[in-house]
Protein backbone atom coordinates (compact mmCIF):
# COMPACT_ATOMS: atom_id res chain seq x y z
CA MET A 1 18.28 35.56 2.81
CA LYS A 2 18.83 34.06 -0.62
CA PHE A 3 15.98 31.84 -1.88
CA ALA A 4 13.80 32.55 1.16
CA SER A 5 13.11 36.26 1.59
CA GLU A 6 12.80 36.68 -2.18
CA PHE A 7 9.85 34.28 -2.12
CA ARG A 8 8.20 36.09 0.79
CA ASP A 9 8.27 39.54 -0.78
CA PRO A 10 4.97 41.34 0.03
CA LYS A 11 5.02 43.34 -3.19
CA ALA A 12 5.39 40.20 -5.31
CA ALA A 13 2.67 38.47 -3.28
CA ARG A 14 0.24 41.38 -3.81
CA ALA A 15 0.89 41.31 -7.56
CA LEU A 16 0.21 37.57 -7.69
CA LEU A 17 -2.97 37.93 -5.63
CA ALA A 18 -4.20 40.62 -8.03
CA ALA A 19 -3.44 38.40 -11.02
CA ILE A 20 -5.25 35.48 -9.37
CA ALA A 21 -8.29 37.69 -8.76
CA ARG A 22 -8.35 38.81 -12.41
CA ARG A 23 -8.12 35.23 -13.67
CA ALA A 24 -10.76 34.02 -11.22
CA GLU A 25 -13.14 36.76 -12.38
CA GLN A 26 -12.38 35.96 -16.01
CA ILE A 27 -13.35 32.28 -15.65
CA GLY A 28 -16.41 33.09 -13.54
CA ALA A 29 -15.16 31.63 -10.26
CA SER A 30 -17.12 32.77 -7.21
CA ARG A 31 -17.80 31.88 -3.59
CA GLU A 32 -20.87 29.94 -4.75
CA LYS A 33 -19.02 28.22 -7.59
CA PRO A 34 -15.32 28.13 -6.70
CA VAL A 35 -12.40 26.53 -8.47
CA HIS A 36 -11.38 23.55 -6.35
CA ILE A 37 -7.60 23.16 -6.18
CA MET A 38 -6.19 20.28 -4.16
CA GLU A 39 -2.80 20.75 -2.54
CA ILE A 40 -1.55 17.17 -2.27
CA CYS A 41 1.26 17.79 0.20
CA GLY A 42 0.69 18.37 3.91
CA GLY A 43 3.63 20.76 3.91
CA HIS A 44 1.75 22.93 1.44
CA THR A 45 -1.33 22.83 3.67
CA HIS A 46 0.69 24.21 6.57
CA SER A 47 2.27 26.90 4.36
CA ILE A 48 -1.17 27.97 3.15
CA PHE A 49 -2.36 28.44 6.73
CA ARG A 50 0.89 29.83 8.07
CA TYR A 51 0.78 32.68 5.55
CA GLY A 52 -3.02 33.01 5.51
CA LEU A 53 -3.20 32.32 1.78
CA ASP A 54 -6.63 30.70 2.11
CA LYS A 55 -7.95 34.08 3.34
CA LEU A 56 -5.98 36.21 0.87
CA VAL A 57 -6.82 34.55 -2.44
CA HIS A 58 -9.94 35.44 -4.40
CA GLU A 59 -13.11 33.99 -2.89
CA GLY A 60 -13.57 31.92 -6.03
CA VAL A 61 -10.51 29.79 -5.20
CA GLU A 62 -10.99 27.01 -2.65
CA PHE A 63 -8.12 24.87 -1.37
CA ILE A 64 -8.94 21.19 -0.92
CA HIS A 65 -6.56 19.36 1.42
CA GLY A 66 -5.30 16.09 0.00
CA PRO A 67 -3.80 12.85 1.32
CA GLY A 68 -0.24 14.16 1.39
CA CYS A 69 0.69 13.46 5.00
CA PRO A 70 2.26 9.99 5.25
CA VAL A 71 1.73 9.67 9.00
CA CYS A 72 -1.90 10.75 8.61
CA VAL A 73 -2.81 8.20 5.96
CA LEU A 74 -1.32 5.35 7.96
CA PRO A 75 -4.22 3.15 9.12
CA ARG A 76 -4.67 2.38 12.81
CA ALA A 77 -3.89 -1.29 12.21
CA ARG A 78 -0.32 -0.44 11.22
CA ILE A 79 0.17 1.47 14.48
CA ASP A 80 -1.17 -1.58 16.33
CA GLU A 81 1.27 -3.82 14.45
CA SER A 82 4.20 -1.54 15.21
CA ILE A 83 3.34 -1.71 18.91
CA GLN A 84 3.15 -5.50 18.72
CA ILE A 85 6.70 -5.56 17.34
CA ALA A 86 7.93 -3.04 19.93
CA ARG A 87 6.60 -5.16 22.81
CA ARG A 88 8.62 -8.20 21.79
CA PRO A 89 11.44 -9.14 24.15
CA GLY A 90 14.82 -7.85 22.99
CA VAL A 91 13.41 -5.36 20.46
CA ILE A 92 14.47 -1.72 20.18
CA PHE A 93 11.82 -0.04 18.06
CA THR A 94 12.87 3.24 16.41
CA THR A 95 10.66 5.83 14.76
CA PHE A 96 10.41 9.41 13.60
CA GLY A 97 8.86 11.68 16.21
CA ASP A 98 5.71 12.36 14.16
CA ALA A 99 4.53 8.79 14.62
CA MET A 100 5.00 8.63 18.39
CA ARG A 101 1.62 10.08 19.38
CA VAL A 102 -0.55 8.69 16.58
CA PRO A 103 -3.22 6.60 18.32
CA GLY A 104 -3.75 2.97 17.46
CA ARG A 105 -6.73 0.95 18.58
CA SER A 106 -5.86 1.11 22.28
CA GLN A 107 -2.69 3.19 22.61
CA SER A 108 0.06 5.08 20.80
CA LEU A 109 3.76 4.28 20.54
CA LEU A 110 4.38 6.93 23.19
CA GLN A 111 1.97 5.21 25.57
CA ALA A 112 3.50 1.82 24.75
CA ARG A 113 6.92 3.24 25.66
CA ALA A 114 5.52 4.52 28.96
CA ALA A 115 4.25 0.99 29.59
CA GLY A 116 7.75 -0.45 29.19
CA ALA A 117 8.42 -1.03 25.49
CA ASP A 118 11.86 0.13 24.30
CA ILE A 119 10.74 2.70 21.71
CA ARG A 120 13.17 5.42 20.69
CA MET A 121 12.76 8.50 18.54
CA VAL A 122 15.38 8.91 15.81
CA TYR A 123 16.04 11.50 13.13
CA SER A 124 17.25 9.10 10.45
CA PRO A 125 17.42 5.37 9.71
CA LEU A 126 21.17 5.81 10.12
CA ASP A 127 20.50 6.41 13.83
CA ALA A 128 18.78 3.01 13.93
CA LEU A 129 21.77 1.44 12.17
CA ALA A 130 24.05 2.91 14.82
CA LEU A 131 21.90 1.32 17.53
CA ALA A 132 22.11 -2.05 15.75
CA ARG A 133 25.90 -1.81 15.81
CA LYS A 134 25.90 -0.75 19.46
CA TYR A 135 23.53 -3.49 20.63
CA PRO A 136 24.29 -6.60 18.53
CA GLU A 137 22.32 -8.76 20.97
CA ARG A 138 19.10 -6.74 20.36
CA ASP A 139 16.76 -6.61 17.36
CA VAL A 140 16.63 -3.00 16.19
CA VAL A 141 13.57 -2.19 14.07
CA PHE A 142 13.14 1.05 12.13
CA PHE A 143 9.58 2.24 11.45
CA GLY A 144 9.99 3.03 7.75
CA LEU A 145 7.22 5.37 6.73
CA GLY A 146 6.73 8.18 4.29
CA PHE A 147 6.28 8.92 0.63
CA GLU A 148 9.01 8.83 -1.99
CA THR A 149 10.76 11.62 -0.07
CA THR A 150 11.96 9.38 2.77
CA THR A 151 12.01 6.06 0.91
CA PRO A 152 15.56 6.49 -0.48
CA SER A 153 17.15 6.97 2.95
CA THR A 154 15.55 3.77 4.23
CA ALA A 155 16.65 1.92 1.10
CA LEU A 156 20.23 3.13 1.56
CA ALA A 157 20.14 2.04 5.22
CA ILE A 158 19.06 -1.46 4.20
CA GLN A 159 21.82 -1.62 1.60
CA GLN A 160 24.34 -0.56 4.24
CA ALA A 161 23.03 -3.15 6.71
CA ALA A 162 23.44 -5.82 4.05
CA ARG A 163 27.03 -4.76 3.34
CA GLU A 164 27.86 -4.86 7.05
CA GLY A 165 25.93 -8.05 7.73
CA LEU A 166 23.83 -6.39 10.45
CA GLY A 167 21.33 -9.21 10.87
CA ASN A 168 19.79 -7.57 13.93
CA PHE A 169 18.56 -4.59 11.89
CA SER A 170 15.20 -4.61 10.10
CA VAL A 171 12.60 -2.20 8.72
CA PHE A 172 8.86 -2.25 9.31
CA CYS A 173 8.06 -0.94 5.86
CA ASN A 174 5.16 1.45 5.40
CA HIS A 175 6.50 3.45 2.47
CA ILE A 176 3.81 4.59 0.08
CA THR A 177 3.59 6.39 -3.25
CA VAL A 178 1.78 9.59 -4.26
CA PRO A 179 0.38 9.03 -7.79
CA GLU A 180 -1.83 6.02 -6.95
CA PRO A 181 -4.11 7.68 -4.35
CA ILE A 182 -4.52 10.69 -6.64
CA HIS A 183 -5.69 8.30 -9.33
CA ALA A 184 -8.16 6.79 -6.85
CA LEU A 185 -9.50 10.23 -5.91
CA LEU A 186 -9.93 11.24 -9.55
CA LYS A 187 -11.95 8.09 -10.21
CA ASP A 188 -14.29 8.92 -7.32
CA PRO A 189 -17.45 10.42 -8.87
CA HIS A 190 -18.15 12.36 -5.68
CA MET A 191 -14.89 14.31 -5.80
CA VAL A 192 -15.00 17.74 -7.48
CA LEU A 193 -11.46 18.78 -8.34
CA ASP A 194 -10.39 21.31 -10.97
CA GLY A 195 -6.61 21.21 -10.53
CA PHE A 196 -3.72 20.22 -8.30
CA ILE A 197 -0.76 21.75 -6.50
CA GLY A 198 1.80 18.97 -6.81
CA PRO A 199 4.17 18.00 -3.98
CA GLY A 200 7.62 19.59 -3.97
CA HIS A 201 9.69 17.21 -1.86
CA VAL A 202 8.31 14.02 -3.42
CA SER A 203 8.92 15.44 -6.87
CA MET A 204 12.59 16.09 -6.04
CA VAL A 205 12.90 12.30 -6.01
CA ILE A 206 10.48 11.10 -8.69
CA GLY A 207 10.44 14.09 -11.06
CA VAL A 208 7.31 15.40 -12.77
CA HIS A 209 6.39 12.69 -15.27
CA PRO A 210 4.66 10.30 -12.83
CA TYR A 211 1.85 12.88 -12.76
CA ASP A 212 1.36 12.94 -16.52
CA PHE A 213 -1.75 10.73 -16.27
CA ILE A 214 -3.57 13.49 -14.34
CA ALA A 215 -3.47 15.81 -17.34
CA ARG A 216 -3.58 13.13 -20.03
CA ASP A 217 -6.37 10.90 -18.69
CA PHE A 218 -8.40 13.27 -16.49
CA GLN A 219 -7.75 16.65 -18.17
CA LYS A 220 -6.75 18.31 -14.89
CA PRO A 221 -3.80 20.71 -14.56
CA LEU A 222 -1.09 20.01 -11.97
CA VAL A 223 1.65 22.42 -10.95
CA VAL A 224 4.56 21.17 -8.83
CA ALA A 225 5.11 23.90 -6.26
CA GLY A 226 7.59 25.17 -3.71
CA PHE A 227 6.67 25.99 -0.14
CA GLU A 228 7.06 29.75 0.14
CA PRO A 229 4.01 32.02 -0.21
CA THR A 230 4.87 33.31 -3.68
CA ASP A 231 5.61 29.73 -4.81
CA LEU A 232 2.08 28.71 -3.89
CA LEU A 233 0.44 31.83 -5.25
CA GLN A 234 2.26 31.52 -8.56
CA SER A 235 1.23 27.87 -8.75
CA VAL A 236 -2.41 28.76 -8.16
CA LEU A 237 -2.15 31.35 -10.92
CA ILE A 238 -0.65 28.80 -13.33
CA VAL A 239 -3.54 26.40 -12.59
CA LEU A 240 -6.05 29.17 -13.26
CA ASP A 241 -4.22 30.16 -16.45
CA GLN A 242 -4.49 26.60 -17.72
CA ILE A 243 -8.19 26.46 -16.92
CA ALA A 244 -8.79 29.81 -18.64
CA GLU A 245 -6.87 28.68 -21.73
CA GLY A 246 -8.52 25.26 -21.88
CA ARG A 247 -5.26 23.43 -21.19
CA ALA A 248 -4.41 20.54 -18.88
CA GLU A 249 -0.68 20.09 -18.41
CA VAL A 250 1.89 19.20 -15.77
CA GLU A 251 4.07 22.23 -15.05
CA ASN A 252 7.01 22.66 -12.71
CA GLN A 253 6.96 25.91 -10.75
CA TYR A 254 9.62 24.51 -8.36
CA ALA A 255 12.23 24.04 -11.08
CA ARG A 256 14.93 25.54 -8.87
CA VAL A 257 14.76 22.33 -6.81
CA VAL A 258 12.80 19.70 -8.76
CA PRO A 259 14.54 18.06 -11.75
CA GLU A 260 12.22 16.90 -14.51
CA GLU A 261 13.43 13.29 -14.35
CA GLY A 262 13.90 13.15 -10.57
CA ASN A 263 16.97 12.04 -8.64
CA PRO A 264 18.62 9.05 -10.36
CA VAL A 265 20.63 7.95 -7.30
CA SER A 266 17.53 7.89 -5.11
CA LEU A 267 15.44 6.16 -7.76
CA ALA A 268 18.13 3.49 -8.23
CA ALA A 269 18.23 2.76 -4.48
CA ILE A 270 14.43 2.47 -4.35
CA ALA A 271 14.37 0.12 -7.34
CA ASP A 272 17.07 -2.08 -5.84
CA VAL A 273 15.50 -2.50 -2.40
CA TYR A 274 11.74 -2.26 -2.95
CA GLU A 275 9.00 -3.68 -5.10
CA ARG A 276 5.31 -2.81 -5.33
CA ARG A 277 2.83 -4.43 -2.99
CA PRO A 278 -0.33 -5.71 -4.68
CA SER A 279 -2.21 -3.18 -2.54
CA PHE A 280 -1.84 -1.16 0.65
CA GLU A 281 -4.40 0.23 3.09
CA TRP A 282 -4.79 4.02 3.34
CA ARG A 283 -6.73 5.79 6.06
CA GLY A 284 -9.93 7.08 4.46
CA LEU A 285 -9.29 5.43 1.11
CA GLY A 286 -9.06 1.74 1.97
CA GLU A 287 -6.86 -0.63 0.00
CA ILE A 288 -5.33 1.02 -3.09
CA ASP A 289 -3.69 -1.14 -5.74
CA ALA A 290 0.10 -0.87 -6.08
CA SER A 291 0.27 2.12 -3.72
CA GLY A 292 2.70 0.67 -1.19
CA LEU A 293 6.24 -0.67 -1.28
CA ARG A 294 7.63 -3.83 0.26
CA ILE A 295 11.18 -5.05 0.66
CA ARG A 296 12.43 -7.32 -2.14
CA PRO A 297 13.13 -10.99 -1.36
CA LYS A 298 16.89 -10.49 -1.70
CA TYR A 299 16.71 -8.18 1.34
CA ALA A 300 14.13 -10.30 3.22
CA ALA A 301 16.50 -10.65 6.21
CA PHE A 302 15.87 -6.93 6.85
CA ASP A 303 12.07 -7.09 6.50
CA ALA A 304 10.46 -6.83 9.95
CA GLU A 305 7.10 -8.09 8.66
CA GLU A 306 8.73 -11.33 7.53
CA LYS A 307 11.03 -11.57 10.55
CA PHE A 308 8.24 -11.17 13.10
CA GLY A 309 5.38 -12.67 11.09
CA ILE A 310 3.13 -9.63 11.21
CA GLY A 311 1.13 -7.30 8.97
CA TYR A 312 0.85 -8.24 5.31
CA ALA A 313 3.06 -11.30 5.93
CA VAL A 314 0.07 -12.93 7.68
CA ALA A 315 -3.70 -12.43 7.93
CA ARG A 316 -4.30 -8.78 8.86
CA ASN A 317 -6.86 -7.37 11.27
CA PRO A 318 -7.95 -3.95 10.00
CA ALA A 319 -8.92 -1.45 12.69
CA PRO A 320 -11.94 0.84 12.15
CA GLU A 321 -11.71 4.55 12.87
CA PRO A 322 -12.96 5.85 16.23
CA GLU A 323 -16.67 6.62 16.20
CA GLY A 324 -17.30 10.06 14.75
CA CYS A 325 -13.68 10.62 13.68
CA ALA A 326 -13.59 12.41 10.33
CA CYS A 327 -9.90 11.78 9.55
CA GLY A 328 -10.72 9.77 6.44
CA ALA A 329 -13.09 12.40 5.06
CA VAL A 330 -10.63 15.23 5.81
CA MET A 331 -7.72 13.29 4.32
CA THR A 332 -9.57 12.81 1.04
CA GLY A 333 -10.73 16.43 0.83
CA ARG A 334 -14.41 15.70 1.37
CA VAL A 335 -14.73 17.92 4.45
CA LYS A 336 -12.69 20.54 6.27
CA PRO A 337 -11.27 19.72 9.72
CA THR A 338 -13.77 21.99 11.45
CA ALA A 339 -16.59 19.76 10.17
CA CYS A 340 -15.38 16.97 12.44
CA PRO A 341 -17.48 16.95 15.64
CA HIS A 342 -14.37 16.14 17.68
CA PHE A 343 -12.18 18.98 16.37
CA GLY A 344 -10.92 21.07 19.28
CA LYS A 345 -13.13 19.17 21.70
CA GLY A 346 -12.47 15.43 21.92
CA CYS A 347 -9.46 15.81 19.63
CA THR A 348 -6.67 18.30 20.37
CA PRO A 349 -2.88 18.15 19.91
CA GLU A 350 -2.54 17.25 23.59
CA MET A 351 -5.13 14.45 23.40
CA PRO A 352 -5.47 13.47 19.73
CA LEU A 353 -8.16 11.15 18.51
CA GLY A 354 -6.85 10.94 14.97
CA ALA A 355 -3.52 11.22 13.19
CA LEU A 356 -4.30 14.51 11.44
CA MET A 357 -4.16 16.37 14.74
CA VAL A 358 -0.75 14.89 15.59
CA SER A 359 1.45 15.09 12.53
CA SER A 360 3.39 18.23 11.65
CA GLU A 361 1.84 17.94 8.18
CA GLY A 362 -1.71 17.08 9.26
CA ALA A 363 -4.56 19.31 8.08
CA CYS A 364 -6.22 19.34 11.51
CA ALA A 365 -2.92 20.32 13.12
CA ALA A 366 -2.60 23.18 10.61
CA TYR A 367 -6.08 24.47 11.40
CA TRP A 368 -5.38 24.23 15.12
CA GLN A 369 -1.86 25.69 15.03
CA TYR A 370 -2.77 28.72 12.95
CA GLY A 371 -6.37 29.18 14.13
CA GLY A 372 -6.64 27.39 17.45
CA ALA A 373 -9.71 27.98 19.55
CA ARG A 374 -10.97 30.59 17.08
CA VAL A 375 -11.16 27.98 14.33
CA ALA A 376 -12.76 25.44 16.68
CA ALA A 377 -15.48 27.96 17.51
CA GLU A 378 -16.38 28.73 13.89
């Protein structure tokens, strides 16, 4: 299979693992003093565990799981607010499947649907647009969430709704951006990070230059990576090469997909529809300046927060994490999922306590899916 099997070649993987081991030995990395490399993207976390890369790399390389799962970093208060919208008479609330089982303060969207709210899973904001056309007497709300990867499709849906005059369509906007939380983590004196594996899908949209500050201001290497095993291994090797050579640069291992300047059509749609919020709340990180997007005033008719008077449009009511839940600490790379006292006990995929056990990109879900009860017992 072109561009898949080539990047899963065992011989190539063994060669990269040997090169990583040589570099790790050269720079003095060990189990006691490892090189800490944060993979920002939740998709990379799952690839690492799917292929067992965390067990195959030299013991002096430690993967730190970052805040790269957009469903996981969504605070409980935003789930509560989405349920409040969904319960309104005449509302059809639409969402990606990942968000359905994320618990809010008292229930999830799935539980709210079981209690009578009209909540529907969709695969695209275009599905929500189709519902708005089909039910002109209903308010159709799309739960817009995700990093820069999904932001363009929501922007294009809003533009299309404006062209068609679909006044019964709106977006509950929870789109967030990747560079700002990385900046916040790097400013945290308690974080020990030596380099980064940069997100592949986000970078297809924004390009590589938004990460320049990581190398320029913090002297940390970042390598934008693909999702196959040799992609990730090569990216780890490039990070180690930079450390060994005393360099800190942004490099693009995923050049077959990621353009240096990003996708101009997507970026234009984002710029037209959205503007920066002054700040946005992240699970585990709190409010981060300029890290969220909101709908511009010219598209205010399609802004569910303004339409329903909820969220940042009014006084918010932040919701604390459940007692003992370590989602925030896991999301910011401070602890591994197995350090959470609820992992595999009070929190499982069937009965999740936190978002990281639910999402297809969540670190806890990765540990459970590829380790299961064995991991929980460690």
